[in-house]
Amino acid sequence: MTMNETWILILAGLAGAALGALFFGGLWWTIRKGTSSQRPALWFFGSFLLRTSLTLAGFYQVAGGHWQRLLACLVGFVMVRLIVMQLTRTAQQPTAWVAEADHAPES
C-alpha cells in the first residue's frame, strides 16, 4: 500500500465520521423536535428518509467502487456511533417501566 492510498483511506474514514455525525446529530435533533410536535410520526419518518438517503449517498460517493474505501468509511461511521452512545449515556434512575420489568414473573 502506497502513502497515497493510505491517505485516501484515512480521508474515507474521516468522511465516514462526518456522515456518522450528520446521521446521529440529525437523529438527536429529530427526537428533540419530534417529541414536542403535533405530528411526531411525520418528523420521525421524514428525518429517517432524509438521514438514510444522505448517508447512503455519502457512502456511495466515498467508496467510488473500492471496497477498501467503503470499509474505512464504515469504520469511521461506527466509531462516531460508539462515541455518541458513550456521550449520551446518563446515570439516571431507571424509569418506572424498567423497574417493573425487573420484577416481572418468570415463565
N, C-alpha and C. Protein backbone atom coordinates (compact mmCIF):
# COMPACT_ATOMS: atom_id res chain seq x y z
N MET A 1 0.85 -1.18 0.00
CA MET A 1 0.00 0.00 0.00
C MET A 1 0.89 1.24 0.00
N THR A 2 0.63 2.13 -0.91
CA THR A 2 1.43 3.34 -1.01
C THR A 2 0.93 4.40 -0.03
N MET A 3 1.74 5.42 0.16
CA MET A 3 1.36 6.51 1.06
C MET A 3 0.10 7.21 0.58
N ASN A 4 -0.04 7.34 -0.74
CA ASN A 4 -1.22 7.98 -1.30
C ASN A 4 -2.48 7.18 -0.97
N GLU A 5 -2.41 5.85 -1.10
CA GLU A 5 -3.56 5.01 -0.77
C GLU A 5 -3.90 5.09 0.70
N THR A 6 -2.90 5.20 1.55
CA THR A 6 -3.13 5.32 2.98
C THR A 6 -3.89 6.60 3.29
N TRP A 7 -3.47 7.70 2.67
CA TRP A 7 -4.17 8.97 2.89
C TRP A 7 -5.61 8.91 2.40
N ILE A 8 -5.84 8.23 1.30
CA ILE A 8 -7.21 8.09 0.77
C ILE A 8 -8.08 7.33 1.77
N LEU A 9 -7.52 6.27 2.37
CA LEU A 9 -8.30 5.50 3.35
C LEU A 9 -8.55 6.31 4.62
N ILE A 10 -7.57 7.11 5.03
CA ILE A 10 -7.76 7.98 6.19
C ILE A 10 -8.86 8.99 5.91
N LEU A 11 -8.83 9.58 4.73
CA LEU A 11 -9.88 10.54 4.36
C LEU A 11 -11.24 9.87 4.26
N ALA A 12 -11.27 8.64 3.78
CA ALA A 12 -12.55 7.91 3.71
C ALA A 12 -13.09 7.66 5.12
N GLY A 13 -12.20 7.34 6.06
CA GLY A 13 -12.62 7.16 7.45
C GLY A 13 -13.14 8.45 8.06
N LEU A 14 -12.48 9.56 7.75
CA LEU A 14 -12.95 10.86 8.24
C LEU A 14 -14.29 11.23 7.62
N ALA A 15 -14.46 10.89 6.35
CA ALA A 15 -15.75 11.14 5.70
C ALA A 15 -16.85 10.30 6.36
N GLY A 16 -16.52 9.06 6.72
CA GLY A 16 -17.47 8.22 7.44
C GLY A 16 -17.83 8.80 8.79
N ALA A 17 -16.84 9.36 9.47
CA ALA A 17 -17.10 10.01 10.75
C ALA A 17 -18.02 11.23 10.57
N ALA A 18 -17.80 11.98 9.50
CA ALA A 18 -18.67 13.13 9.22
C ALA A 18 -20.08 12.67 8.90
N LEU A 19 -20.21 11.59 8.14
CA LEU A 19 -21.53 11.05 7.84
C LEU A 19 -22.22 10.56 9.12
N GLY A 20 -21.44 9.94 10.01
CA GLY A 20 -21.99 9.50 11.28
C GLY A 20 -22.46 10.67 12.13
N ALA A 21 -21.67 11.73 12.16
CA ALA A 21 -22.06 12.92 12.92
C ALA A 21 -23.33 13.52 12.35
N LEU A 22 -23.44 13.55 11.02
CA LEU A 22 -24.66 14.06 10.38
C LEU A 22 -25.85 13.17 10.72
N PHE A 23 -25.66 11.86 10.61
CA PHE A 23 -26.76 10.93 10.86
C PHE A 23 -27.23 10.99 12.30
N PHE A 24 -26.31 10.84 13.25
CA PHE A 24 -26.69 10.79 14.65
C PHE A 24 -27.02 12.16 15.23
N GLY A 25 -26.41 13.21 14.70
CA GLY A 25 -26.81 14.56 15.08
C GLY A 25 -28.22 14.86 14.61
N GLY A 26 -28.53 14.40 13.40
CA GLY A 26 -29.89 14.56 12.88
C GLY A 26 -30.90 13.76 13.69
N LEU A 27 -30.51 12.59 14.13
CA LEU A 27 -31.40 11.78 14.97
C LEU A 27 -31.67 12.48 16.30
N TRP A 28 -30.62 13.01 16.91
CA TRP A 28 -30.78 13.74 18.18
C TRP A 28 -31.72 14.93 17.99
N TRP A 29 -31.51 15.69 16.92
CA TRP A 29 -32.34 16.86 16.65
C TRP A 29 -33.79 16.44 16.41
N THR A 30 -33.99 15.35 15.68
CA THR A 30 -35.34 14.86 15.38
C THR A 30 -36.06 14.45 16.66
N ILE A 31 -35.37 13.79 17.55
CA ILE A 31 -36.00 13.37 18.80
C ILE A 31 -36.43 14.58 19.60
N ARG A 32 -35.59 15.60 19.64
CA ARG A 32 -35.95 16.82 20.38
C ARG A 32 -37.15 17.52 19.76
N LYS A 33 -37.18 17.62 18.44
CA LYS A 33 -38.28 18.31 17.76
C LYS A 33 -39.54 17.44 17.69
N GLY A 34 -39.34 16.16 17.41
CA GLY A 34 -40.47 15.27 17.20
C GLY A 34 -41.30 15.01 18.43
N THR A 35 -40.67 14.96 19.59
CA THR A 35 -41.42 14.67 20.81
C THR A 35 -42.33 15.81 21.23
N SER A 36 -42.04 17.02 20.80
CA SER A 36 -42.89 18.16 21.16
C SER A 36 -43.75 18.63 19.98
N SER A 37 -43.79 17.86 18.92
CA SER A 37 -44.52 18.23 17.72
C SER A 37 -45.96 17.72 17.77
N GLN A 38 -46.81 18.37 16.99
CA GLN A 38 -48.19 17.90 16.83
C GLN A 38 -48.25 16.66 15.96
N ARG A 39 -47.23 16.49 15.09
CA ARG A 39 -47.18 15.34 14.18
C ARG A 39 -45.82 14.65 14.29
N PRO A 40 -45.59 13.92 15.36
CA PRO A 40 -44.27 13.31 15.54
C PRO A 40 -43.95 12.25 14.49
N ALA A 41 -44.94 11.53 14.00
CA ALA A 41 -44.68 10.49 13.00
C ALA A 41 -44.09 11.10 11.73
N LEU A 42 -44.58 12.26 11.35
CA LEU A 42 -44.06 12.94 10.17
C LEU A 42 -42.60 13.34 10.38
N TRP A 43 -42.28 13.86 11.55
CA TRP A 43 -40.89 14.23 11.86
C TRP A 43 -39.97 13.02 11.80
N PHE A 44 -40.38 11.95 12.48
CA PHE A 44 -39.51 10.77 12.56
C PHE A 44 -39.35 10.08 11.21
N PHE A 45 -40.44 9.93 10.48
CA PHE A 45 -40.35 9.27 9.18
C PHE A 45 -39.59 10.12 8.18
N GLY A 46 -39.89 11.42 8.12
CA GLY A 46 -39.18 12.31 7.21
C GLY A 46 -37.70 12.39 7.52
N SER A 47 -37.38 12.48 8.79
CA SER A 47 -35.97 12.54 9.20
C SER A 47 -35.26 11.24 8.85
N PHE A 48 -35.92 10.12 9.09
CA PHE A 48 -35.31 8.83 8.76
C PHE A 48 -34.99 8.75 7.27
N LEU A 49 -35.94 9.13 6.43
CA LEU A 49 -35.71 9.09 4.98
C LEU A 49 -34.56 10.02 4.58
N LEU A 50 -34.55 11.22 5.09
CA LEU A 50 -33.51 12.18 4.73
C LEU A 50 -32.14 11.74 5.23
N ARG A 51 -32.04 11.34 6.51
CA ARG A 51 -30.76 10.92 7.08
C ARG A 51 -30.21 9.68 6.37
N THR A 52 -31.08 8.73 6.11
CA THR A 52 -30.64 7.50 5.44
C THR A 52 -30.22 7.77 4.01
N SER A 53 -30.98 8.58 3.30
CA SER A 53 -30.64 8.90 1.91
C SER A 53 -29.29 9.61 1.82
N LEU A 54 -29.09 10.60 2.67
CA LEU A 54 -27.82 11.34 2.65
C LEU A 54 -26.65 10.43 3.03
N THR A 55 -26.86 9.58 4.01
CA THR A 55 -25.78 8.69 4.45
C THR A 55 -25.43 7.68 3.36
N LEU A 56 -26.43 7.07 2.75
CA LEU A 56 -26.15 6.09 1.69
C LEU A 56 -25.50 6.75 0.48
N ALA A 57 -25.96 7.94 0.13
CA ALA A 57 -25.34 8.66 -0.99
C ALA A 57 -23.89 9.01 -0.66
N GLY A 58 -23.63 9.38 0.59
CA GLY A 58 -22.27 9.68 1.01
C GLY A 58 -21.37 8.45 0.95
N PHE A 59 -21.88 7.32 1.42
CA PHE A 59 -21.11 6.08 1.35
C PHE A 59 -20.80 5.72 -0.10
N TYR A 60 -21.77 5.88 -0.96
CA TYR A 60 -21.59 5.56 -2.38
C TYR A 60 -20.51 6.46 -3.00
N GLN A 61 -20.56 7.74 -2.70
CA GLN A 61 -19.59 8.68 -3.26
C GLN A 61 -18.18 8.41 -2.72
N VAL A 62 -18.08 8.16 -1.43
CA VAL A 62 -16.77 7.93 -0.82
C VAL A 62 -16.15 6.64 -1.36
N ALA A 63 -16.96 5.58 -1.47
CA ALA A 63 -16.43 4.29 -1.90
C ALA A 63 -15.87 4.36 -3.32
N GLY A 64 -16.57 4.99 -4.21
CA GLY A 64 -16.10 5.11 -5.58
C GLY A 64 -15.75 3.77 -6.23
N GLY A 65 -16.44 2.72 -5.83
CA GLY A 65 -16.19 1.40 -6.41
C GLY A 65 -15.07 0.63 -5.75
N HIS A 66 -14.53 1.14 -4.65
CA HIS A 66 -13.43 0.47 -3.95
C HIS A 66 -13.93 -0.02 -2.59
N TRP A 67 -13.87 -1.32 -2.37
CA TRP A 67 -14.37 -1.86 -1.11
C TRP A 67 -13.54 -1.40 0.08
N GLN A 68 -12.27 -1.11 -0.11
CA GLN A 68 -11.42 -0.66 0.98
C GLN A 68 -11.88 0.71 1.50
N ARG A 69 -12.24 1.59 0.58
CA ARG A 69 -12.73 2.91 0.97
C ARG A 69 -14.07 2.80 1.67
N LEU A 70 -14.92 1.90 1.17
CA LEU A 70 -16.22 1.68 1.80
C LEU A 70 -16.04 1.18 3.23
N LEU A 71 -15.12 0.26 3.41
CA LEU A 71 -14.86 -0.28 4.75
C LEU A 71 -14.31 0.81 5.68
N ALA A 72 -13.39 1.62 5.19
CA ALA A 72 -12.84 2.71 6.01
C ALA A 72 -13.93 3.70 6.38
N CYS A 73 -14.82 3.99 5.46
CA CYS A 73 -15.94 4.90 5.71
C CYS A 73 -16.86 4.31 6.77
N LEU A 74 -17.14 3.03 6.66
CA LEU A 74 -18.00 2.35 7.63
C LEU A 74 -17.36 2.35 9.02
N VAL A 75 -16.07 2.14 9.10
CA VAL A 75 -15.37 2.16 10.39
C VAL A 75 -15.50 3.55 11.03
N GLY A 76 -15.32 4.60 10.25
CA GLY A 76 -15.49 5.96 10.78
C GLY A 76 -16.90 6.21 11.27
N PHE A 77 -17.89 5.72 10.52
CA PHE A 77 -19.29 5.88 10.89
C PHE A 77 -19.58 5.17 12.22
N VAL A 78 -19.12 3.94 12.35
CA VAL A 78 -19.36 3.15 13.56
C VAL A 78 -18.63 3.76 14.76
N MET A 79 -17.44 4.29 14.53
CA MET A 79 -16.71 4.93 15.63
C MET A 79 -17.50 6.11 16.19
N VAL A 80 -18.10 6.90 15.31
CA VAL A 80 -18.91 8.03 15.78
C VAL A 80 -20.12 7.51 16.54
N ARG A 81 -20.72 6.42 16.07
CA ARG A 81 -21.85 5.83 16.78
C ARG A 81 -21.45 5.44 18.20
N LEU A 82 -20.31 4.80 18.35
CA LEU A 82 -19.85 4.40 19.68
C LEU A 82 -19.59 5.60 20.57
N ILE A 83 -19.01 6.64 20.00
CA ILE A 83 -18.73 7.87 20.76
C ILE A 83 -20.03 8.53 21.20
N VAL A 84 -21.00 8.62 20.29
CA VAL A 84 -22.29 9.23 20.62
C VAL A 84 -22.99 8.42 21.71
N MET A 85 -22.94 7.11 21.61
CA MET A 85 -23.57 6.28 22.65
C MET A 85 -22.92 6.51 24.01
N GLN A 86 -21.61 6.64 24.03
CA GLN A 86 -20.90 6.88 25.29
C GLN A 86 -21.23 8.26 25.85
N LEU A 87 -21.30 9.27 25.01
CA LEU A 87 -21.57 10.63 25.46
C LEU A 87 -23.00 10.82 25.94
N THR A 88 -23.93 10.10 25.35
CA THR A 88 -25.34 10.29 25.69
C THR A 88 -25.81 9.38 26.80
N ARG A 89 -24.96 8.48 27.24
CA ARG A 89 -25.33 7.58 28.34
C ARG A 89 -25.42 8.41 29.62
N THR A 90 -26.52 8.26 30.33
CA THR A 90 -26.70 9.02 31.56
C THR A 90 -26.79 8.06 32.74
N ALA A 91 -26.55 8.60 33.90
CA ALA A 91 -26.61 7.81 35.13
C ALA A 91 -27.93 8.05 35.84
N GLN A 92 -29.01 8.17 35.10
CA GLN A 92 -30.31 8.43 35.69
C GLN A 92 -30.86 7.15 36.30
N GLN A 93 -31.82 7.34 37.20
CA GLN A 93 -32.52 6.20 37.76
C GLN A 93 -33.37 5.57 36.67
N PRO A 94 -33.56 4.25 36.69
CA PRO A 94 -34.41 3.63 35.69
C PRO A 94 -35.84 4.15 35.79
N THR A 95 -36.49 4.20 34.65
CA THR A 95 -37.88 4.66 34.64
C THR A 95 -38.76 3.59 35.26
N ALA A 96 -40.00 3.94 35.54
CA ALA A 96 -40.92 3.03 36.22
C ALA A 96 -41.10 1.73 35.46
N TRP A 97 -41.23 1.81 34.13
CA TRP A 97 -41.47 0.57 33.38
C TRP A 97 -40.25 -0.34 33.38
N VAL A 98 -39.05 0.21 33.50
CA VAL A 98 -37.86 -0.62 33.59
C VAL A 98 -37.81 -1.29 34.96
N ALA A 99 -38.15 -0.54 36.02
CA ALA A 99 -38.15 -1.11 37.35
C ALA A 99 -39.20 -2.21 37.45
N GLU A 100 -40.37 -2.02 36.82
CA GLU A 100 -41.40 -3.04 36.83
C GLU A 100 -40.95 -4.28 36.05
N ALA A 101 -40.26 -4.06 34.96
CA ALA A 101 -39.81 -5.19 34.14
C ALA A 101 -38.81 -6.06 34.92
N ASP A 102 -38.08 -5.47 35.85
CA ASP A 102 -37.13 -6.24 36.65
C ASP A 102 -37.84 -7.19 37.60
N HIS A 103 -39.10 -6.89 37.92
CA HIS A 103 -39.85 -7.70 38.87
C HIS A 103 -40.92 -8.52 38.18
N ALA A 104 -40.86 -8.64 36.89
CA ALA A 104 -41.87 -9.40 36.16
C ALA A 104 -41.74 -10.88 36.47
N PRO A 105 -42.87 -11.58 36.55
CA PRO A 105 -42.80 -13.00 36.84
C PRO A 105 -42.14 -13.77 35.69
N GLU A 106 -41.39 -14.78 36.05
CA GLU A 106 -40.73 -15.59 35.02
C GLU A 106 -41.70 -16.66 34.56
N SER A 107 -41.58 -17.01 33.27
CA SER A 107 -42.48 -18.03 32.75
C SER A 107 -41.81 -19.37 32.59
